[in-house]
């Protein structure tokens, strides 16, 4: 399972890089075309590692790449 989480985390990272480093949670889920729970676990992993921040109130969370999450 950890491998799947890591692969989806990479998909999320790539999606965010191509979309001004920010997206609404539902757009991320739709874009990566993976199970919602798997996407949420991957976002949690990225957040724990400091690569993304999660802002706002559910269900309208915004996922943002941090400065640690790629190019500035």
N, C-alpha and C. Protein backbone atom coordinates (compact mmCIF):
# COMPACT_ATOMS: atom_id res chain seq x y z
N UNK A 1 0.81 -1.20 0.00
CA UNK A 1 0.00 0.00 0.00
C UNK A 1 0.85 1.26 0.00
N UNK A 2 1.98 1.23 0.71
CA UNK A 2 2.83 2.42 0.78
C UNK A 2 3.33 2.82 -0.60
N UNK A 3 3.56 1.84 -1.47
CA UNK A 3 3.99 2.14 -2.83
C UNK A 3 2.89 2.87 -3.59
N UNK A 4 1.64 2.42 -3.44
CA UNK A 4 0.51 3.08 -4.10
C UNK A 4 0.37 4.52 -3.61
N UNK A 5 0.51 4.71 -2.31
CA UNK A 5 0.41 6.06 -1.74
C UNK A 5 1.50 6.95 -2.34
N UNK A 6 2.71 6.43 -2.43
CA UNK A 6 3.81 7.20 -2.99
C UNK A 6 3.61 7.55 -4.46
N UNK A 7 3.09 6.61 -5.24
CA UNK A 7 2.84 6.86 -6.66
C UNK A 7 1.77 7.95 -6.83
N UNK A 8 0.70 7.83 -6.06
CA UNK A 8 -0.37 8.84 -6.14
C UNK A 8 0.13 10.19 -5.64
N UNK A 9 0.98 10.20 -4.62
CA UNK A 9 1.57 11.46 -4.15
C UNK A 9 2.34 12.13 -5.28
N UNK A 10 3.06 11.35 -6.07
CA UNK A 10 3.76 11.90 -7.23
C UNK A 10 2.81 12.46 -8.27
N UNK A 11 1.70 11.77 -8.49
CA UNK A 11 0.68 12.25 -9.42
C UNK A 11 0.10 13.59 -8.94
N UNK A 12 -0.15 13.68 -7.65
CA UNK A 12 -0.70 14.91 -7.08
C UNK A 12 0.30 16.04 -7.24
N UNK A 13 1.55 15.79 -6.91
CA UNK A 13 2.62 16.79 -7.04
C UNK A 13 2.68 17.31 -8.47
N UNK A 14 2.70 16.39 -9.43
CA UNK A 14 2.76 16.79 -10.84
C UNK A 14 1.54 17.60 -11.25
N UNK A 15 0.38 17.21 -10.78
CA UNK A 15 -0.84 17.96 -11.09
C UNK A 15 -0.74 19.38 -10.54
N UNK A 16 -0.32 19.51 -9.30
CA UNK A 16 -0.22 20.83 -8.68
C UNK A 16 0.81 21.71 -9.38
N UNK A 17 1.93 21.12 -9.78
CA UNK A 17 2.94 21.90 -10.50
C UNK A 17 2.39 22.45 -11.81
N UNK A 18 1.52 21.71 -12.44
CA UNK A 18 0.94 22.15 -13.71
C UNK A 18 -0.27 23.04 -13.56
N UNK A 19 -0.70 23.30 -12.34
CA UNK A 19 -1.90 24.11 -12.10
C UNK A 19 -1.62 25.21 -11.07
N UNK A 20 -0.59 26.00 -11.32
CA UNK A 20 -0.24 27.14 -10.47
C UNK A 20 0.01 26.76 -9.02
N UNK A 21 0.43 25.50 -8.80
CA UNK A 21 0.85 25.03 -7.48
C UNK A 21 -0.29 24.97 -6.47
N UNK A 22 -1.55 25.04 -6.94
CA UNK A 22 -2.69 25.07 -6.03
C UNK A 22 -3.92 24.50 -6.72
N UNK A 23 -4.74 23.78 -5.96
CA UNK A 23 -5.99 23.26 -6.51
C UNK A 23 -6.94 22.91 -5.38
N UNK A 24 -8.21 22.91 -5.69
CA UNK A 24 -9.25 22.48 -4.75
C UNK A 24 -9.21 20.96 -4.67
N UNK A 25 -9.45 20.42 -3.50
CA UNK A 25 -9.37 18.98 -3.26
C UNK A 25 -10.13 18.17 -4.30
N UNK A 26 -11.36 18.53 -4.58
CA UNK A 26 -12.17 17.75 -5.53
C UNK A 26 -11.54 17.73 -6.91
N UNK A 27 -10.89 18.81 -7.32
CA UNK A 27 -10.20 18.84 -8.62
C UNK A 27 -9.01 17.88 -8.63
N UNK A 28 -8.30 17.83 -7.51
CA UNK A 28 -7.17 16.91 -7.40
C UNK A 28 -7.66 15.47 -7.50
N UNK A 29 -8.71 15.15 -6.78
CA UNK A 29 -9.26 13.79 -6.80
C UNK A 29 -9.69 13.42 -8.21
N UNK A 30 -10.40 14.32 -8.88
CA UNK A 30 -10.85 14.06 -10.26
C UNK A 30 -9.67 13.90 -11.21
N UNK A 31 -8.63 14.70 -11.02
CA UNK A 31 -7.49 14.70 -11.95
C UNK A 31 -6.66 13.42 -11.86
N UNK A 32 -6.42 12.92 -10.65
CA UNK A 32 -5.56 11.75 -10.52
C UNK A 32 -6.30 10.44 -10.76
N UNK A 33 -7.64 10.51 -10.76
CA UNK A 33 -8.47 9.35 -11.10
C UNK A 33 -8.14 8.11 -10.25
N UNK A 34 -7.99 8.35 -8.97
CA UNK A 34 -7.75 7.27 -8.01
C UNK A 34 -8.81 7.34 -6.92
N UNK A 35 -8.92 6.28 -6.15
CA UNK A 35 -9.87 6.23 -5.05
C UNK A 35 -9.64 7.40 -4.10
N UNK A 36 -10.74 8.02 -3.66
CA UNK A 36 -10.67 9.19 -2.78
C UNK A 36 -9.82 8.93 -1.54
N UNK A 37 -9.98 7.76 -0.92
CA UNK A 37 -9.21 7.46 0.28
C UNK A 37 -7.72 7.42 -0.01
N UNK A 38 -7.34 6.86 -1.14
CA UNK A 38 -5.93 6.79 -1.52
C UNK A 38 -5.38 8.20 -1.77
N UNK A 39 -6.16 9.05 -2.42
CA UNK A 39 -5.74 10.43 -2.65
C UNK A 39 -5.56 11.16 -1.31
N UNK A 40 -6.49 10.94 -0.40
CA UNK A 40 -6.40 11.60 0.90
C UNK A 40 -5.16 11.14 1.68
N UNK A 41 -4.86 9.84 1.62
CA UNK A 41 -3.66 9.34 2.29
C UNK A 41 -2.41 9.95 1.66
N UNK A 42 -2.40 10.09 0.36
CA UNK A 42 -1.24 10.65 -0.34
C UNK A 42 -1.07 12.13 0.00
N UNK A 43 -2.16 12.87 0.08
CA UNK A 43 -2.08 14.27 0.48
C UNK A 43 -1.56 14.37 1.91
N UNK A 44 -2.02 13.48 2.78
CA UNK A 44 -1.53 13.46 4.15
C UNK A 44 -0.04 13.22 4.22
N UNK A 45 0.44 12.30 3.40
CA UNK A 45 1.87 12.02 3.35
C UNK A 45 2.63 13.26 2.90
N UNK A 46 2.17 13.87 1.80
CA UNK A 46 2.84 15.07 1.30
C UNK A 46 2.81 16.19 2.34
N UNK A 47 1.69 16.33 3.05
CA UNK A 47 1.58 17.36 4.07
C UNK A 47 2.54 17.08 5.23
N UNK A 48 2.60 15.83 5.65
CA UNK A 48 3.48 15.47 6.77
C UNK A 48 4.94 15.72 6.43
N UNK A 49 5.29 15.51 5.17
CA UNK A 49 6.66 15.75 4.72
C UNK A 49 6.94 17.22 4.42
N UNK A 50 5.91 18.07 4.51
CA UNK A 50 6.08 19.50 4.29
C UNK A 50 6.04 19.92 2.84
N UNK A 51 5.59 19.04 1.95
CA UNK A 51 5.57 19.35 0.52
C UNK A 51 4.30 20.06 0.08
N UNK A 52 3.21 19.90 0.83
CA UNK A 52 1.97 20.61 0.52
C UNK A 52 1.39 21.16 1.82
N UNK A 53 0.57 22.17 1.66
CA UNK A 53 -0.25 22.64 2.78
C UNK A 53 -1.70 22.44 2.39
N UNK A 54 -2.53 22.23 3.38
CA UNK A 54 -3.96 22.05 3.17
C UNK A 54 -4.65 23.18 3.92
N UNK A 55 -5.39 24.00 3.18
CA UNK A 55 -6.02 25.18 3.76
C UNK A 55 -7.53 25.14 3.54
N UNK A 56 -8.26 25.90 4.34
CA UNK A 56 -9.69 26.04 4.17
C UNK A 56 -10.47 25.09 5.04
N UNK A 57 -11.75 25.04 4.78
CA UNK A 57 -12.69 24.21 5.51
C UNK A 57 -13.27 23.16 4.58
N UNK A 58 -13.48 21.95 5.11
CA UNK A 58 -14.06 20.87 4.32
C UNK A 58 -15.47 21.19 3.92
N UNK A 59 -15.90 20.79 2.77
CA UNK A 59 -15.17 19.97 1.81
C UNK A 59 -14.36 20.78 0.81
N UNK A 60 -14.25 22.09 1.01
CA UNK A 60 -13.58 22.96 0.03
C UNK A 60 -12.11 23.21 0.38
N UNK A 61 -11.40 22.17 0.72
CA UNK A 61 -9.98 22.32 1.03
C UNK A 61 -9.21 22.72 -0.22
N UNK A 62 -8.17 23.52 0.00
CA UNK A 62 -7.25 23.87 -1.08
C UNK A 62 -5.91 23.23 -0.76
N UNK A 63 -5.34 22.57 -1.76
CA UNK A 63 -4.05 21.91 -1.62
C UNK A 63 -3.02 22.79 -2.34
N UNK A 64 -1.94 23.14 -1.65
CA UNK A 64 -0.91 24.02 -2.20
C UNK A 64 0.46 23.38 -2.07
N UNK A 65 1.25 23.44 -3.13
CA UNK A 65 2.65 23.05 -3.02
C UNK A 65 3.36 24.09 -2.18
N UNK A 66 4.18 23.68 -1.24
CA UNK A 66 4.97 24.61 -0.45
C UNK A 66 6.27 24.87 -1.17
N UNK A 67 7.10 25.76 -0.63
CA UNK A 67 8.42 26.01 -1.23
C UNK A 67 9.27 24.76 -1.22
N UNK A 68 9.01 23.87 -0.25
CA UNK A 68 9.73 22.59 -0.23
C UNK A 68 9.23 21.66 -1.32
N UNK A 69 8.04 21.97 -1.86
CA UNK A 69 7.39 21.08 -2.82
C UNK A 69 7.78 21.32 -4.25
N UNK A 70 8.88 21.94 -4.50
CA UNK A 70 9.31 22.12 -5.89
C UNK A 70 9.90 23.50 -6.11
N UNK A 71 9.87 23.92 -7.37
CA UNK A 71 10.47 25.19 -7.78
C UNK A 71 9.75 26.36 -7.14
N UNK A 72 10.52 27.40 -6.88
CA UNK A 72 9.92 28.63 -6.36
C UNK A 72 9.55 29.53 -7.50
